[in-house]
Amino acid sequence: MAKPLLEFTDRGIYCQQGKFYIDPWKPVDDAVITHAHADHAYWGHKRYLAHHLSREVLLYRLGEINLQTIEYGESIVKNGVKISMYPAGHVIGSAQIRVEYKGVVWVVSGDYKTEDDGISTPFEPVKCHHFISECTFGMPVYTWKPQSQIFEDVNGWWKSNLEHGLATVIVGYSLGKAQRILQNLDLNLGKVYTHGVIENTNEALRRNGVILNPTERITSESSKEAVRKGIIIAPPSSVGTPWMRKFGPYSFGYCSGWMAIRGAKRRRAADRGFVMSDHADWDGLVSAIDATDCECVYLTHGYTATFTRYLNEIGFNAREVHTLYGGEEEDDAVTEKDEKEEISELPKDERSPELKEAAK
């Protein structure tokens, strides 16, 4: 029996014929990267291939790597295997990887969402024989409201905070959520201020030609009163830190798909929880998988056991596989460089001995 074109190994998803890995989590010679989140793009590979719009963020996060980029729909051939990329709709530059050899087609989705967020290239179903899918939110309880409704709530909350003399801090991870928030804020209400980790990512995307709404980086020189009259976009790593507390009194809102579950807002000590995810919801997952016409679907991370069982019950050939993907909705991907910059922006009297040591 012939080996499948793609295999699940202890290093990642491997194509033996093409001699490359997709989103490997251990160092390899050739890595094809779906997107720049830390659980999919690791440091240490000899060669990287990714979408063009991931270029500057990957270089910012991983340093001077040997990186080749291609556009959506463009293809290259490695050892007879055709590799092409199609939009995943997850974050700017995210791609599904289509792999074809001798008429057999596999697609690795990485992470994806099916709703057009207005900034990421919208998700595009790709026909294939085998589809490797996430299912981060693969439970029926996860059903997202239209984005327009979510931002109507966000902007209404910001307006109310201004009227009540409260600063507004909205939290989302630095690649994806932060830019989605930025592009949908009502800028008639005020200016947008950003934590250094967020602004570093914004700057990388701008270097890549992405047009984002204006932002101002918060530094030790920033006027507290001016910042309090705008809205602050911050990463999850800033929650509960002296950096955030210095803008008080404030109202703190958390943007995540996990906010759909009772108690999530309380566990994060948030004043407001906005149910907003850069992953597909239950209906999005089912519709995306169905649109591929695949013969077999492999579920890599999320509610894999539950979702595999459901898909098999409704007629799909679904299998659960174990990988190291998942997690950026829980913990923002913050590099050591980011942490040092964040600490350096704190007033000296707010730096604990541990923080001072970390900043060296």
Protein backbone atom coordinates (compact mmCIF):
# COMPACT_ATOMS: atom_id res chain seq x y z
CA MET A 1 0.00 0.00 0.00
CA ALA A 2 1.43 3.40 -1.03
CA LYS A 3 2.24 5.92 1.67
CA PRO A 4 -0.14 8.90 1.92
CA LEU A 5 1.18 12.12 0.38
CA LEU A 6 1.16 13.82 3.79
CA GLU A 7 1.96 12.12 7.11
CA PHE A 8 1.68 13.22 10.73
CA THR A 9 5.08 12.90 12.39
CA ASP A 10 6.73 14.02 15.64
CA ARG A 11 8.12 17.05 13.77
CA GLY A 12 4.96 18.10 11.98
CA ILE A 13 3.01 17.36 8.82
CA TYR A 14 5.50 15.77 6.41
CA CYS A 15 5.54 15.25 2.65
CA GLN A 16 8.11 12.53 1.98
CA GLN A 17 7.88 12.86 -1.79
CA GLY A 18 8.46 16.63 -1.65
CA LYS A 19 10.84 16.44 1.33
CA PHE A 20 9.17 19.34 3.16
CA TYR A 21 7.09 19.88 6.29
CA ILE A 22 4.03 22.07 6.80
CA ASP A 23 4.05 24.12 10.03
CA PRO A 24 6.68 21.89 11.71
CA TRP A 25 7.31 22.42 15.44
CA LYS A 26 10.87 21.01 15.41
CA PRO A 27 13.76 22.23 13.22
CA VAL A 28 13.66 20.90 9.64
CA ASP A 29 15.33 21.73 6.33
CA ASP A 30 12.23 22.86 4.41
CA ALA A 31 9.19 24.37 6.16
CA VAL A 32 6.01 25.59 4.47
CA ILE A 33 4.21 27.99 6.83
CA THR A 34 0.46 28.64 6.86
CA HIS A 35 0.70 31.86 8.91
CA ALA A 36 2.91 33.72 11.35
CA HIS A 37 1.33 32.78 14.69
CA ALA A 38 3.83 31.25 17.11
CA ASP A 39 2.21 27.80 17.21
CA HIS A 40 2.63 27.45 13.43
CA ALA A 41 5.81 29.40 12.67
CA TYR A 42 8.78 28.23 14.73
CA TRP A 43 12.38 29.44 14.63
CA GLY A 44 15.18 27.09 13.54
CA HIS A 45 14.28 25.81 10.06
CA LYS A 46 16.84 26.09 7.24
CA ARG A 47 14.35 27.32 4.64
CA TYR A 48 10.87 28.83 4.92
CA LEU A 49 8.07 29.25 2.38
CA ALA A 50 5.07 31.45 3.25
CA HIS A 51 2.57 33.89 1.77
CA HIS A 52 3.92 37.30 0.76
CA LEU A 53 1.83 39.16 3.37
CA SER A 54 3.39 37.09 6.16
CA ARG A 55 6.90 38.14 5.16
CA GLU A 56 7.59 41.13 7.42
CA VAL A 57 5.83 39.68 10.47
CA LEU A 58 7.82 36.45 10.14
CA LEU A 59 11.08 38.40 9.86
CA TYR A 60 10.09 40.52 12.87
CA ARG A 61 9.20 37.50 14.98
CA LEU A 62 11.85 35.03 13.86
CA GLY A 63 14.75 37.26 12.80
CA GLU A 64 16.82 36.89 9.63
CA ILE A 65 15.50 33.62 8.26
CA ASN A 66 15.89 32.17 4.76
CA LEU A 67 12.39 33.06 3.57
CA GLN A 68 10.71 32.66 0.18
CA THR A 69 7.19 34.00 -0.35
CA ILE A 70 4.50 33.50 -2.97
CA GLU A 71 1.07 34.96 -3.68
CA TYR A 72 -2.34 33.28 -3.45
CA GLY A 73 -2.87 31.01 -6.43
CA GLU A 74 0.83 30.97 -7.29
CA SER A 75 2.52 27.58 -7.23
CA ILE A 76 6.01 26.13 -6.94
CA VAL A 77 7.24 22.55 -7.34
CA LYS A 78 9.41 20.69 -4.85
CA ASN A 79 10.67 17.28 -6.01
CA GLY A 80 7.68 16.85 -8.30
CA VAL A 81 5.11 17.98 -5.71
CA LYS A 82 3.09 21.08 -6.61
CA ILE A 83 2.58 23.51 -3.70
CA SER A 84 0.16 26.44 -3.88
CA MET A 85 -1.51 28.76 -1.38
CA TYR A 86 -5.11 29.90 -0.99
CA PRO A 87 -6.71 32.36 1.44
CA ALA A 88 -7.56 31.05 4.92
CA GLY A 89 -9.21 34.25 6.20
CA HIS A 90 -7.65 33.74 9.64
CA VAL A 91 -5.28 36.74 9.79
CA ILE A 92 -3.46 38.89 7.26
CA GLY A 93 -1.26 36.60 5.16
CA SER A 94 -2.76 33.34 6.39
CA ALA A 95 -2.91 30.59 3.79
CA GLN A 96 -4.24 27.12 3.16
CA ILE A 97 -1.52 24.96 1.66
CA ARG A 98 -2.59 22.89 -1.36
CA VAL A 99 -0.28 19.97 -2.16
CA GLU A 100 -0.68 17.89 -5.34
CA TYR A 101 1.19 14.87 -6.67
CA LYS A 102 0.08 12.51 -9.46
CA GLY A 103 -3.50 13.79 -9.29
CA VAL A 104 -3.89 13.40 -5.52
CA VAL A 105 -4.64 16.65 -3.68
CA TRP A 106 -4.25 17.42 0.02
CA VAL A 107 -5.08 20.77 1.64
CA VAL A 108 -3.72 21.90 5.01
CA SER A 109 -5.93 24.69 6.30
CA GLY A 110 -3.77 25.91 9.18
CA ASP A 111 -6.26 28.09 11.07
CA TYR A 112 -9.18 29.70 9.27
CA LYS A 113 -12.45 31.56 9.54
CA THR A 114 -15.18 31.79 6.95
CA GLU A 115 -16.51 35.29 7.75
CA ASP A 116 -14.94 38.13 5.76
CA ASP A 117 -13.39 40.41 8.41
CA GLY A 118 -12.63 43.21 5.93
CA ILE A 119 -8.85 43.05 6.37
CA SER A 120 -7.74 39.44 5.81
CA THR A 121 -8.17 38.00 2.31
CA PRO A 122 -11.47 36.07 2.64
CA PHE A 123 -11.47 32.29 3.04
CA GLU A 124 -11.68 30.35 -0.21
CA PRO A 125 -12.76 26.67 -0.23
CA VAL A 126 -10.34 24.42 -2.11
CA LYS A 127 -11.45 21.10 -3.60
CA CYS A 128 -9.30 18.19 -2.47
CA HIS A 129 -9.19 14.50 -1.64
CA HIS A 130 -7.84 15.02 1.88
CA PHE A 131 -8.44 18.07 4.09
CA ILE A 132 -6.50 18.80 7.29
CA SER A 133 -8.60 21.10 9.45
CA GLU A 134 -8.52 22.79 12.80
CA CYS A 135 -11.59 22.69 15.05
CA THR A 136 -10.64 25.17 17.79
CA PHE A 137 -14.32 25.99 18.30
CA GLY A 138 -15.80 22.67 17.17
CA MET A 139 -18.79 22.68 19.53
CA PRO A 140 -22.36 23.84 18.73
CA VAL A 141 -22.24 26.46 21.51
CA TYR A 142 -19.75 28.44 19.43
CA THR A 143 -21.80 30.42 16.91
CA TRP A 144 -20.54 33.88 16.07
CA LYS A 145 -22.68 36.98 15.56
CA PRO A 146 -22.01 39.05 12.44
CA GLN A 147 -18.94 41.24 12.84
CA SER A 148 -21.00 44.41 12.32
CA GLN A 149 -23.03 43.65 15.45
CA ILE A 150 -19.92 43.02 17.53
CA PHE A 151 -18.34 46.33 16.59
CA GLU A 152 -21.60 48.19 17.15
CA ASP A 153 -21.27 46.94 20.75
CA VAL A 154 -17.56 47.79 20.94
CA ASN A 155 -18.03 51.35 19.70
CA GLY A 156 -21.08 51.87 21.93
CA TRP A 157 -19.02 50.73 24.94
CA TRP A 158 -16.16 53.08 24.03
CA LYS A 159 -18.61 56.01 23.68
CA SER A 160 -20.17 55.21 27.06
CA ASN A 161 -16.75 55.06 28.72
CA LEU A 162 -15.89 58.50 27.35
CA GLU A 163 -19.14 59.88 28.72
CA HIS A 164 -18.37 58.42 32.16
CA GLY A 165 -14.75 59.57 32.33
CA LEU A 166 -13.29 56.07 31.93
CA ALA A 167 -10.33 55.13 29.78
CA THR A 168 -11.03 52.29 27.34
CA VAL A 169 -8.67 49.31 27.03
CA ILE A 170 -9.53 46.59 24.52
CA VAL A 171 -7.50 43.38 24.46
CA GLY A 172 -6.79 41.03 21.57
CA TYR A 173 -3.73 39.15 20.35
CA SER A 174 -1.21 41.18 18.40
CA LEU A 175 -1.45 39.51 14.97
CA GLY A 176 -4.98 39.31 13.65
CA LYS A 177 -7.32 40.41 16.39
CA ALA A 178 -5.59 43.75 16.99
CA GLN A 179 -5.75 44.76 13.32
CA ARG A 180 -9.34 43.59 13.02
CA ILE A 181 -10.27 45.75 16.01
CA LEU A 182 -8.33 48.71 14.64
CA GLN A 183 -10.02 48.65 11.24
CA ASN A 184 -13.52 48.57 12.72
CA LEU A 185 -13.33 51.23 15.42
CA ASP A 186 -15.32 54.46 15.07
CA LEU A 187 -12.44 56.92 14.75
CA ASN A 188 -14.83 59.85 15.15
CA LEU A 189 -14.78 59.01 18.87
CA GLY A 190 -11.04 59.52 19.29
CA LYS A 191 -7.52 58.35 18.56
CA VAL A 192 -6.26 54.78 18.74
CA TYR A 193 -3.27 54.14 21.02
CA THR A 194 -1.32 50.90 20.97
CA HIS A 195 0.84 48.83 23.30
CA GLY A 196 4.36 48.38 21.92
CA VAL A 197 3.78 44.69 21.07
CA ILE A 198 0.72 45.61 18.99
CA GLU A 199 2.46 48.52 17.28
CA ASN A 200 5.51 46.43 16.37
CA THR A 201 3.22 44.05 14.50
CA ASN A 202 1.33 46.94 12.88
CA GLU A 203 4.63 48.40 11.68
CA ALA A 204 5.69 45.06 10.21
CA LEU A 205 2.40 44.78 8.32
CA ARG A 206 2.72 48.35 7.05
CA ARG A 207 6.21 47.53 5.75
CA ASN A 208 4.51 44.74 3.81
CA GLY A 209 2.19 47.28 2.17
CA VAL A 210 -0.88 46.65 4.36
CA ILE A 211 -2.89 49.84 4.88
CA LEU A 212 -4.04 50.18 8.49
CA ASN A 213 -5.88 52.97 10.28
CA PRO A 214 -3.67 55.48 12.14
CA THR A 215 -2.31 54.45 15.55
CA GLU A 216 0.00 55.99 18.12
CA ARG A 217 2.45 53.90 20.10
CA ILE A 218 2.26 54.38 23.89
CA THR A 219 5.66 55.22 25.33
CA SER A 220 6.96 56.62 28.62
CA GLU A 221 6.59 60.07 27.02
CA SER A 222 2.88 59.63 26.21
CA SER A 223 0.42 61.93 27.93
CA LYS A 224 -1.74 59.85 30.24
CA GLU A 225 -4.67 62.25 29.84
CA ALA A 226 -4.45 62.21 26.05
CA VAL A 227 -4.32 58.40 25.98
CA ARG A 228 -7.30 58.14 28.31
CA LYS A 229 -9.41 60.16 25.84
CA GLY A 230 -8.80 57.64 23.07
CA ILE A 231 -8.92 53.85 23.02
CA ILE A 232 -6.01 51.56 23.90
CA ILE A 233 -5.42 48.28 22.04
CA ALA A 234 -3.35 45.92 24.18
CA PRO A 235 -2.26 42.25 24.08
CA PRO A 236 -3.36 39.65 26.65
CA SER A 237 0.14 39.76 28.18
CA SER A 238 -0.57 43.28 29.47
CA VAL A 239 -3.64 42.36 31.53
CA GLY A 240 -3.15 43.09 35.22
CA THR A 241 0.27 44.68 34.73
CA PRO A 242 1.45 48.09 36.02
CA TRP A 243 1.49 49.20 32.37
CA MET A 244 -2.28 48.79 32.13
CA ARG A 245 -3.09 50.01 35.64
CA LYS A 246 -1.45 53.38 35.04
CA PHE A 247 -4.35 54.34 32.72
CA GLY A 248 -6.98 53.90 35.43
CA PRO A 249 -9.77 54.37 36.03
CA TYR A 250 -10.54 52.34 32.94
CA SER A 251 -12.97 49.81 31.52
CA PHE A 252 -11.27 46.71 30.18
CA GLY A 253 -12.78 44.65 27.35
CA TYR A 254 -11.52 41.25 26.14
CA CYS A 255 -12.08 40.02 22.58
CA SER A 256 -12.08 36.24 22.17
CA GLY A 257 -14.22 33.38 20.98
CA TRP A 258 -13.92 31.97 24.50
CA MET A 259 -16.16 34.81 25.71
CA ALA A 260 -19.08 32.72 24.45
CA ILE A 261 -18.68 30.53 27.54
CA ARG A 262 -20.11 31.69 30.85
CA GLY A 263 -17.35 32.57 33.29
CA ALA A 264 -14.66 33.35 30.71
CA LYS A 265 -15.04 37.09 31.21
CA ARG A 266 -14.86 36.67 34.99
CA ARG A 267 -11.72 34.50 34.79
CA ARG A 268 -10.01 37.23 32.79
CA ALA A 269 -11.26 39.94 35.18
CA ALA A 270 -12.73 41.83 32.21
CA ASP A 271 -15.48 44.43 32.45
CA ARG A 272 -16.75 43.47 29.01
CA GLY A 273 -16.35 40.32 26.98
CA PHE A 274 -16.75 40.54 23.20
CA VAL A 275 -17.29 37.23 21.42
CA MET A 276 -14.89 37.69 18.53
CA SER A 277 -12.67 34.99 17.07
CA ASP A 278 -10.35 34.64 14.12
CA HIS A 279 -11.31 30.95 13.94
CA ALA A 280 -14.38 29.45 12.28
CA ASP A 281 -17.39 28.75 14.46
CA TRP A 282 -19.33 25.47 14.44
CA ASP A 283 -21.32 26.26 11.28
CA GLY A 284 -18.25 27.70 9.57
CA LEU A 285 -16.23 24.54 10.21
CA VAL A 286 -18.95 22.25 8.87
CA SER A 287 -19.60 24.37 5.78
CA ALA A 288 -15.87 24.76 5.02
CA ILE A 289 -15.22 21.03 5.25
CA ASP A 290 -18.30 20.22 3.17
CA ALA A 291 -17.21 22.67 0.45
CA THR A 292 -13.92 20.80 -0.13
CA ASP A 293 -15.73 17.61 -1.30
CA CYS A 294 -12.93 15.76 0.49
CA GLU A 295 -12.86 11.99 0.90
CA CYS A 296 -11.24 12.27 4.33
CA VAL A 297 -10.85 15.05 6.90
CA TYR A 298 -8.17 15.11 9.63
CA LEU A 299 -8.78 17.26 12.71
CA THR A 300 -5.64 18.67 14.31
CA HIS A 301 -6.55 20.84 17.31
CA GLY A 302 -9.51 22.06 19.31
CA TYR A 303 -12.50 19.87 20.19
CA THR A 304 -11.10 17.08 18.03
CA ALA A 305 -12.81 14.09 19.67
CA THR A 306 -16.27 15.68 19.76
CA PHE A 307 -16.07 17.14 16.27
CA THR A 308 -14.64 13.94 14.75
CA ARG A 309 -17.51 11.93 16.20
CA TYR A 310 -20.08 14.41 14.87
CA LEU A 311 -18.63 14.49 11.36
CA ASN A 312 -18.57 10.70 11.17
CA GLU A 313 -22.20 10.58 12.32
CA ILE A 314 -23.30 12.86 9.45
CA GLY A 315 -21.40 10.91 6.79
CA PHE A 316 -17.87 12.29 6.63
CA ASN A 317 -14.78 10.13 6.96
CA ALA A 318 -13.15 12.05 9.84
CA ARG A 319 -10.06 11.22 11.89
CA GLU A 320 -8.57 12.80 14.96
CA VAL A 321 -4.83 13.53 14.93
CA HIS A 322 -2.54 14.98 17.58
CA THR A 323 -0.40 18.05 16.89
CA LEU A 324 1.12 20.97 18.81
CA TYR A 325 -1.11 23.59 17.20
CA GLY A 326 -3.56 25.82 19.04
CA GLY A 327 -3.23 28.38 21.76
CA GLU A 328 -2.88 31.88 20.34
CA GLU A 329 -6.46 32.72 21.40
CA GLU A 330 -5.41 31.93 24.98
CA ASP A 331 -1.94 33.49 25.09
CA ASP A 332 -0.70 36.22 22.81
CA ALA A 333 2.50 35.32 21.02
CA VAL A 334 5.02 37.66 22.63
CA THR A 335 8.68 37.43 21.75
CA GLU A 336 11.55 38.01 24.16
CA LYS A 337 12.25 41.22 22.24
CA ASP A 338 8.67 42.37 22.81
CA GLU A 339 8.88 41.66 26.54
CA LYS A 340 12.05 43.73 26.89
CA GLU A 341 10.53 46.64 24.96
CA GLU A 342 7.38 46.47 27.08
CA ILE A 343 9.41 46.60 30.31
CA SER A 344 11.59 49.43 29.03
CA GLU A 345 8.48 51.55 28.50
CA LEU A 346 7.48 51.31 32.17
CA PRO A 347 8.49 54.17 34.51
CA LYS A 348 11.51 53.08 36.55
CA ASP A 349 9.56 53.12 39.82
CA GLU A 350 7.10 50.56 38.40
CA ARG A 351 9.75 47.96 37.53
CA SER A 352 10.09 45.10 39.97
CA PRO A 353 13.48 43.38 40.46
CA GLU A 354 12.21 40.49 38.33
CA LEU A 355 11.21 42.85 35.52
CA LYS A 356 14.55 44.65 35.66
CA GLU A 357 16.36 41.32 35.35
CA ALA A 358 14.16 40.26 32.41
CA ALA A 359 14.88 43.51 30.57
CA LYS A 360 18.68 42.97 30.57
